[in-house]
Amino acid sequence: MNEVYAWIKNIVVFMIINTIIMNLLGNSSYKKYVSIVSGMILVLIVISPVIKLLKLEDKFDYFFKSNNFTVEAGEFETDVMRMEEARRDAEFSEYTDRIKVQVGDFLSEEGVYLDNFNIDYDMDIESKDFGSIKAFNITAYYGEEKKQEDSDDSSQIEEIIIETINLGEPEEGLSEVPSPMEINIKNKLSDFYNIDPDNININIQGG
């Protein structure tokens, strides 16, 4: 009997407290959310004797802990994926820097020097070729001192702007023919990195 009185007392006390809280909230936008939560709490209080009678506390506790574990495991997996992505990006960045130095050495052997450099990797994790180089995009120039000379000249010579002269549309399918130097470097890079020469875009300026 005492348990019944305690049960009724809990319901009455909760209803009084809930009424006070709802009155204090007035027309607040949070009132509907508080109402939903308080309704769920009231349901738990009402069915608490049934839960005790059927000894469901352990099961509820198990499901609660299991749900928490699932959420925590999901968050941990997300954190691991983020760390893995950051580590992979750092490794690709370091790998790119090493290849850039190698390509620069290849070019300097031919008397040209690296200006801009970009690598296109296979980033499909499911691919068997994941991480392999798909393409190179290279801009180079003749003469080691070209950049320095251009910088010095720009401070002395006033810029001259020439209006574009349109000589008509280029013939369809007509593209710039690579120079023998560009072809030679393409072949060297293709052999060394095992890439199709068509996937190596190189533009040597000046000369």
Protein backbone atom coordinates (compact mmCIF):
# COMPACT_ATOMS: atom_id res chain seq x y z
CA MET A 1 0.00 0.00 0.00
CA ASN A 2 2.87 2.34 0.81
CA GLU A 3 4.15 1.85 -2.70
CA VAL A 4 0.81 2.94 -4.13
CA TYR A 5 0.83 6.10 -1.98
CA ALA A 6 4.41 6.83 -3.02
CA TRP A 7 3.43 6.35 -6.65
CA ILE A 8 0.47 8.71 -6.39
CA LYS A 9 2.59 11.20 -4.45
CA ASN A 10 5.22 11.22 -7.21
CA ILE A 11 2.56 11.89 -9.84
CA VAL A 12 0.99 14.72 -7.86
CA VAL A 13 4.33 16.36 -7.03
CA PHE A 14 5.44 16.14 -10.65
CA MET A 15 2.15 17.65 -11.89
CA ILE A 16 2.47 20.55 -9.44
CA ILE A 17 6.09 21.25 -10.44
CA ASN A 18 5.25 20.90 -14.12
CA THR A 19 2.34 23.36 -13.79
CA ILE A 20 4.59 25.91 -12.08
CA ILE A 21 7.24 25.56 -14.77
CA MET A 22 4.73 25.87 -17.60
CA ASN A 23 3.25 29.02 -16.02
CA LEU A 24 6.70 30.54 -15.65
CA LEU A 25 7.44 29.88 -19.31
CA GLY A 26 4.29 31.68 -20.42
CA ASN A 27 4.28 32.06 -24.22
CA SER A 28 7.96 31.16 -24.59
CA SER A 29 8.96 29.30 -27.76
CA TYR A 30 10.56 26.64 -25.55
CA LYS A 31 7.23 25.80 -23.92
CA LYS A 32 6.30 23.13 -26.48
CA TYR A 33 9.64 21.36 -26.07
CA VAL A 34 9.35 21.39 -22.28
CA SER A 35 5.82 20.05 -22.62
CA ILE A 36 7.04 17.11 -24.73
CA VAL A 37 9.80 16.22 -22.26
CA SER A 38 7.53 16.58 -19.23
CA GLY A 39 4.96 14.35 -20.94
CA MET A 40 7.57 11.64 -21.45
CA ILE A 41 8.65 11.92 -17.81
CA LEU A 42 5.04 11.68 -16.65
CA VAL A 43 4.54 8.50 -18.71
CA LEU A 44 7.61 6.95 -17.07
CA ILE A 45 6.31 7.88 -13.62
CA VAL A 46 2.87 6.44 -14.38
CA ILE A 47 4.19 3.13 -15.71
CA SER A 48 6.97 2.83 -13.10
CA PRO A 49 4.97 0.24 -11.00
CA VAL A 50 4.52 -1.91 -14.10
CA ILE A 51 8.25 -1.63 -14.85
CA LYS A 52 9.10 -2.74 -11.32
CA LEU A 53 6.48 -5.50 -11.38
CA LEU A 54 7.84 -6.97 -14.61
CA LYS A 55 11.45 -6.27 -13.56
CA LEU A 56 12.14 -4.30 -16.71
CA GLU A 57 14.65 -1.90 -15.11
CA ASP A 58 17.60 -4.05 -16.10
CA LYS A 59 16.37 -4.30 -19.67
CA PHE A 60 15.80 -0.55 -19.93
CA ASP A 61 19.23 0.03 -18.44
CA TYR A 62 20.73 -2.40 -20.95
CA PHE A 63 19.04 -0.74 -23.92
CA PHE A 64 20.03 2.70 -22.64
CA LYS A 65 23.68 1.71 -22.27
CA SER A 66 23.59 -0.10 -25.60
CA ASN A 67 22.19 2.99 -27.32
CA ASN A 68 24.83 5.18 -25.67
CA PHE A 69 27.53 2.79 -26.79
CA THR A 70 26.22 2.88 -30.37
CA VAL A 71 26.24 6.67 -30.37
CA GLU A 72 29.73 6.83 -28.87
CA ALA A 73 30.99 4.21 -31.34
CA GLY A 74 29.58 6.26 -34.23
CA GLU A 75 31.24 9.41 -32.94
CA PHE A 76 34.53 7.56 -32.47
CA GLU A 77 34.34 6.14 -35.98
CA THR A 78 33.73 9.64 -37.35
CA ASP A 79 36.73 10.96 -35.41
CA VAL A 80 38.88 8.12 -36.70
CA MET A 81 37.80 8.83 -40.28
CA ARG A 82 38.66 12.51 -39.85
CA MET A 83 42.07 11.65 -38.42
CA GLU A 84 42.62 9.18 -41.25
CA GLU A 85 41.71 11.82 -43.84
CA ALA A 86 44.05 14.34 -42.20
CA ARG A 87 46.86 11.78 -42.11
CA ARG A 88 46.23 10.81 -45.74
CA ASP A 89 46.21 14.46 -46.84
CA ALA A 90 49.52 15.04 -45.02
CA GLU A 91 51.07 11.99 -46.68
CA PHE A 92 49.89 13.07 -50.14
CA SER A 93 51.24 16.56 -49.52
CA GLU A 94 54.64 15.19 -48.53
CA TYR A 95 54.60 12.80 -51.49
CA THR A 96 53.74 15.67 -53.85
CA ASP A 97 56.63 17.75 -52.52
CA ARG A 98 59.07 14.91 -53.18
CA ILE A 99 57.79 14.39 -56.71
CA LYS A 100 57.96 18.13 -57.37
CA VAL A 101 61.67 18.08 -56.48
CA GLN A 102 62.23 15.08 -58.77
CA VAL A 103 60.39 16.70 -61.68
CA GLY A 104 62.35 19.89 -61.11
CA ASP A 105 65.58 17.89 -61.38
CA PHE A 106 64.38 16.27 -64.62
CA LEU A 107 63.61 19.66 -66.12
CA SER A 108 66.87 21.27 -65.01
CA GLU A 109 68.78 18.49 -66.78
CA GLU A 110 67.13 19.69 -69.98
CA GLY A 111 67.93 23.34 -69.29
CA VAL A 112 64.39 24.34 -68.28
CA TYR A 113 63.02 25.18 -64.86
CA LEU A 114 59.83 24.36 -63.04
CA ASP A 115 57.27 27.14 -62.58
CA ASN A 116 53.86 25.62 -61.75
CA PHE A 117 53.24 22.00 -60.88
CA ASN A 118 50.10 19.98 -60.17
CA ILE A 119 49.45 16.26 -59.72
CA ASP A 120 46.14 14.51 -60.25
CA TYR A 121 45.89 11.39 -58.04
CA ASP A 122 43.44 8.52 -58.10
CA MET A 123 41.55 9.31 -54.87
CA ASP A 124 38.98 6.50 -55.12
CA ILE A 125 39.59 4.44 -51.96
CA GLU A 126 37.82 1.45 -53.53
CA SER A 127 40.08 1.53 -56.57
CA LYS A 128 43.03 -0.86 -56.84
CA ASP A 129 45.06 2.08 -58.14
CA PHE A 130 44.22 4.31 -55.18
CA GLY A 131 47.01 6.84 -54.61
CA SER A 132 48.57 6.36 -58.03
CA ILE A 133 49.39 9.33 -60.25
CA LYS A 134 46.84 9.92 -63.01
CA ALA A 135 48.20 13.08 -64.60
CA PHE A 136 50.79 15.85 -64.44
CA ASN A 137 50.19 19.50 -65.24
CA ILE A 138 53.49 21.36 -65.59
CA THR A 139 54.48 24.88 -66.56
CA ALA A 140 58.19 25.53 -67.05
CA TYR A 141 60.44 28.21 -68.53
CA TYR A 142 63.79 28.51 -70.24
CA GLY A 143 66.60 30.17 -68.36
CA GLU A 144 67.27 29.91 -64.64
CA GLU A 145 67.27 33.66 -64.08
CA LYS A 146 64.05 34.38 -66.01
CA LYS A 147 61.90 35.10 -62.98
CA GLN A 148 64.49 37.38 -61.40
CA GLU A 149 65.03 39.26 -64.65
CA ASP A 150 61.29 39.68 -65.14
CA SER A 151 60.99 41.03 -61.61
CA ASP A 152 63.81 43.55 -62.17
CA ASP A 153 62.53 44.67 -65.57
CA SER A 154 59.00 45.19 -64.27
CA SER A 155 60.25 47.90 -61.93
CA GLN A 156 61.94 49.81 -64.75
CA ILE A 157 59.73 49.38 -67.79
CA GLU A 158 56.26 50.84 -67.92
CA GLU A 159 53.63 48.26 -68.74
CA ILE A 160 52.33 48.47 -72.31
CA ILE A 161 48.80 47.26 -72.92
CA ILE A 162 48.04 46.04 -76.43
CA GLU A 163 44.46 45.58 -77.47
CA THR A 164 43.52 42.11 -78.62
CA ILE A 165 43.33 41.72 -82.40
CA ASN A 166 40.79 39.14 -83.47
CA LEU A 167 41.84 37.38 -86.67
CA GLY A 168 38.85 35.12 -86.76
CA GLU A 169 37.94 31.85 -85.08
CA PRO A 170 40.64 29.13 -85.10
CA GLU A 171 39.91 26.06 -87.12
CA GLU A 172 38.05 23.40 -85.18
CA GLY A 173 40.28 20.58 -83.95
CA LEU A 174 43.44 22.63 -84.38
CA SER A 175 45.65 22.51 -81.27
CA GLU A 176 49.11 23.70 -80.42
CA VAL A 177 51.79 21.19 -81.42
CA PRO A 178 54.18 20.34 -78.56
CA SER A 179 57.82 21.24 -79.09
CA PRO A 180 60.52 18.55 -79.35
CA MET A 181 61.68 19.57 -75.86
CA GLU A 182 58.18 19.08 -74.41
CA ILE A 183 57.85 15.71 -76.15
CA ASN A 184 61.24 14.61 -74.82
CA ILE A 185 60.36 15.60 -71.24
CA LYS A 186 56.94 13.96 -71.54
CA ASN A 187 58.55 10.68 -72.58
CA LYS A 188 61.06 10.81 -69.73
CA LEU A 189 58.40 11.47 -67.12
CA SER A 190 56.15 8.83 -68.68
CA ASP A 191 58.84 6.18 -68.44
CA PHE A 192 59.89 7.11 -64.92
CA TYR A 193 56.42 7.41 -63.36
CA ASN A 194 54.66 4.90 -65.64
CA ILE A 195 52.08 7.43 -66.86
CA ASP A 196 50.52 7.73 -70.30
CA PRO A 197 52.25 10.63 -72.10
CA ASP A 198 48.81 11.95 -73.06
CA ASN A 199 48.18 12.52 -69.33
CA ILE A 200 51.25 14.73 -68.98
CA ASN A 201 50.49 18.33 -69.87
CA ILE A 202 53.60 20.47 -70.09
CA ASN A 203 54.01 24.01 -71.31
CA ILE A 204 57.50 25.48 -71.65
CA GLN A 205 57.47 29.25 -71.98
CA GLY A 206 60.15 31.42 -73.56
CA GLY A 207 63.10 30.11 -75.50
